[in-house]
Amino acid sequence: MVIMETELRKCRKKAGLTQKEIIRRSGISRISYHRYECGERVPDAQTASVIAKAVGSTVEALWGGKPTG
């Protein structure tokens, strides 16, 4: 899913965070997060929510949509 991986990386960098910091904040394994950001896997809704919170964004923004709120 090209949109998810691109937006996930953009949101993380916009927040000024490294992958290691996102992993620590979210509790997601290193390999799983790497796979999400590289587009090898797509997180389920709950995991996407945890990642969004860790980067200070919304699930909608991670999917390339307009943030709500």
C-alpha atoms as a PDB file:
ATOM      1  CA  MET A   1       0.000   0.000   0.000  1.00  0.00           C
ATOM      2  CA  VAL A   2       2.077   2.893  -1.324  1.00  0.00           C
ATOM      3  CA  ILE A   3      -0.044   5.630   0.240  1.00  0.00           C
ATOM      4  CA  MET A   4       0.205   4.183   3.744  1.00  0.00           C
ATOM      5  CA  GLU A   5       3.958   3.688   3.636  1.00  0.00           C
ATOM      6  CA  THR A   6       4.616   7.133   2.145  1.00  0.00           C
ATOM      7  CA  GLU A   7       2.315   8.928   4.574  1.00  0.00           C
ATOM      8  CA  LEU A   8       3.577   6.951   7.551  1.00  0.00           C
ATOM      9  CA  ARG A   9       7.148   7.972   6.796  1.00  0.00           C
ATOM     10  CA  LYS A  10       6.075  11.609   6.217  1.00  0.00           C
ATOM     11  CA  CYS A  11       4.146  11.758   9.492  1.00  0.00           C
ATOM     12  CA  ARG A  12       7.053  10.254  11.412  1.00  0.00           C
ATOM     13  CA  LYS A  13       9.568  12.666   9.923  1.00  0.00           C
ATOM     14  CA  LYS A  14       7.233  15.637  10.408  1.00  0.00           C
ATOM     15  CA  ALA A  15       7.042  14.684  14.088  1.00  0.00           C
ATOM     16  CA  GLY A  16      10.863  14.587  14.157  1.00  0.00           C
ATOM     17  CA  LEU A  17      10.926  10.962  15.277  1.00  0.00           C
ATOM     18  CA  THR A  18      13.106   8.031  14.352  1.00  0.00           C
ATOM     19  CA  GLN A  19      11.757   4.548  13.745  1.00  0.00           C
ATOM     20  CA  LYS A  20      13.292   3.543  17.072  1.00  0.00           C
ATOM     21  CA  GLU A  21      11.336   6.271  18.887  1.00  0.00           C
ATOM     22  CA  ILE A  22       8.064   5.236  17.231  1.00  0.00           C
ATOM     23  CA  ILE A  23       8.702   1.630  18.201  1.00  0.00           C
ATOM     24  CA  ARG A  24       9.346   2.644  21.808  1.00  0.00           C
ATOM     25  CA  ARG A  25       6.255   4.863  21.960  1.00  0.00           C
ATOM     26  CA  SER A  26       3.907   2.405  20.286  1.00  0.00           C
ATOM     27  CA  GLY A  27       5.125  -0.920  21.648  1.00  0.00           C
ATOM     28  CA  ILE A  28       5.137  -2.389  18.135  1.00  0.00           C
ATOM     29  CA  SER A  29       7.985  -4.719  17.285  1.00  0.00           C
ATOM     30  CA  ARG A  30      10.835  -3.321  15.214  1.00  0.00           C
ATOM     31  CA  ILE A  31      10.280  -5.740  12.355  1.00  0.00           C
ATOM     32  CA  SER A  32       6.529  -5.089  12.221  1.00  0.00           C
ATOM     33  CA  TYR A  33       6.980  -1.322  12.135  1.00  0.00           C
ATOM     34  CA  HIS A  34       9.663  -1.633   9.468  1.00  0.00           C
ATOM     35  CA  ARG A  35       7.304  -3.754   7.357  1.00  0.00           C
ATOM     36  CA  TYR A  36       4.537  -1.165   7.693  1.00  0.00           C
ATOM     37  CA  GLU A  37       6.783   1.711   6.707  1.00  0.00           C
ATOM     38  CA  CYS A  38       8.288  -0.239   3.785  1.00  0.00           C
ATOM     39  CA  GLY A  39       4.873  -1.333   2.544  1.00  0.00           C
ATOM     40  CA  GLU A  40       5.417  -5.045   3.108  1.00  0.00           C
ATOM     41  CA  ARG A  41       2.438  -5.232   5.478  1.00  0.00           C
ATOM     42  CA  VAL A  42      -0.593  -3.133   6.328  1.00  0.00           C
ATOM     43  CA  PRO A  43      -1.431  -2.613  10.001  1.00  0.00           C
ATOM     44  CA  ASP A  44      -4.869  -3.498  11.291  1.00  0.00           C
ATOM     45  CA  ALA A  45      -7.110  -0.677  12.517  1.00  0.00           C
ATOM     46  CA  GLN A  46      -6.015  -0.930  16.156  1.00  0.00           C
ATOM     47  CA  THR A  47      -2.314  -0.924  15.269  1.00  0.00           C
ATOM     48  CA  ALA A  48      -2.784   1.986  12.856  1.00  0.00           C
ATOM     49  CA  SER A  49      -4.449   3.908  15.685  1.00  0.00           C
ATOM     50  CA  VAL A  50      -1.509   3.206  18.016  1.00  0.00           C
ATOM     51  CA  ILE A  51       0.971   4.341  15.353  1.00  0.00           C
ATOM     52  CA  ALA A  52      -1.044   7.480  14.625  1.00  0.00           C
ATOM     53  CA  LYS A  53      -1.077   8.390  18.305  1.00  0.00           C
ATOM     54  CA  ALA A  54       2.682   7.770  18.552  1.00  0.00           C
ATOM     55  CA  VAL A  55       3.378  10.206  15.701  1.00  0.00           C
ATOM     56  CA  GLY A  56       0.789  12.724  16.892  1.00  0.00           C
ATOM     57  CA  SER A  57      -1.453  12.247  13.874  1.00  0.00           C
ATOM     58  CA  THR A  58      -4.661  10.504  12.853  1.00  0.00           C
ATOM     59  CA  VAL A  59      -5.341   7.211  11.136  1.00  0.00           C
ATOM     60  CA  GLU A  60      -6.906   9.181   8.292  1.00  0.00           C
ATOM     61  CA  ALA A  61      -3.665  11.119   7.767  1.00  0.00           C
ATOM     62  CA  LEU A  62      -1.665   7.874   7.693  1.00  0.00           C
ATOM     63  CA  TRP A  63      -3.882   6.669   4.857  1.00  0.00           C
ATOM     64  CA  GLY A  64      -3.339   9.885   2.929  1.00  0.00           C
ATOM     65  CA  GLY A  65      -6.667  11.463   3.776  1.00  0.00           C
ATOM     66  CA  LYS A  66      -7.369  14.791   5.382  1.00  0.00           C
ATOM     67  CA  PRO A  67      -6.860  14.799   9.141  1.00  0.00           C
ATOM     68  CA  THR A  68     -10.040  15.234  11.135  1.00  0.00           C
ATOM     69  CA  GLY A  69     -10.509  17.785  13.845  1.00  0.00           C
END
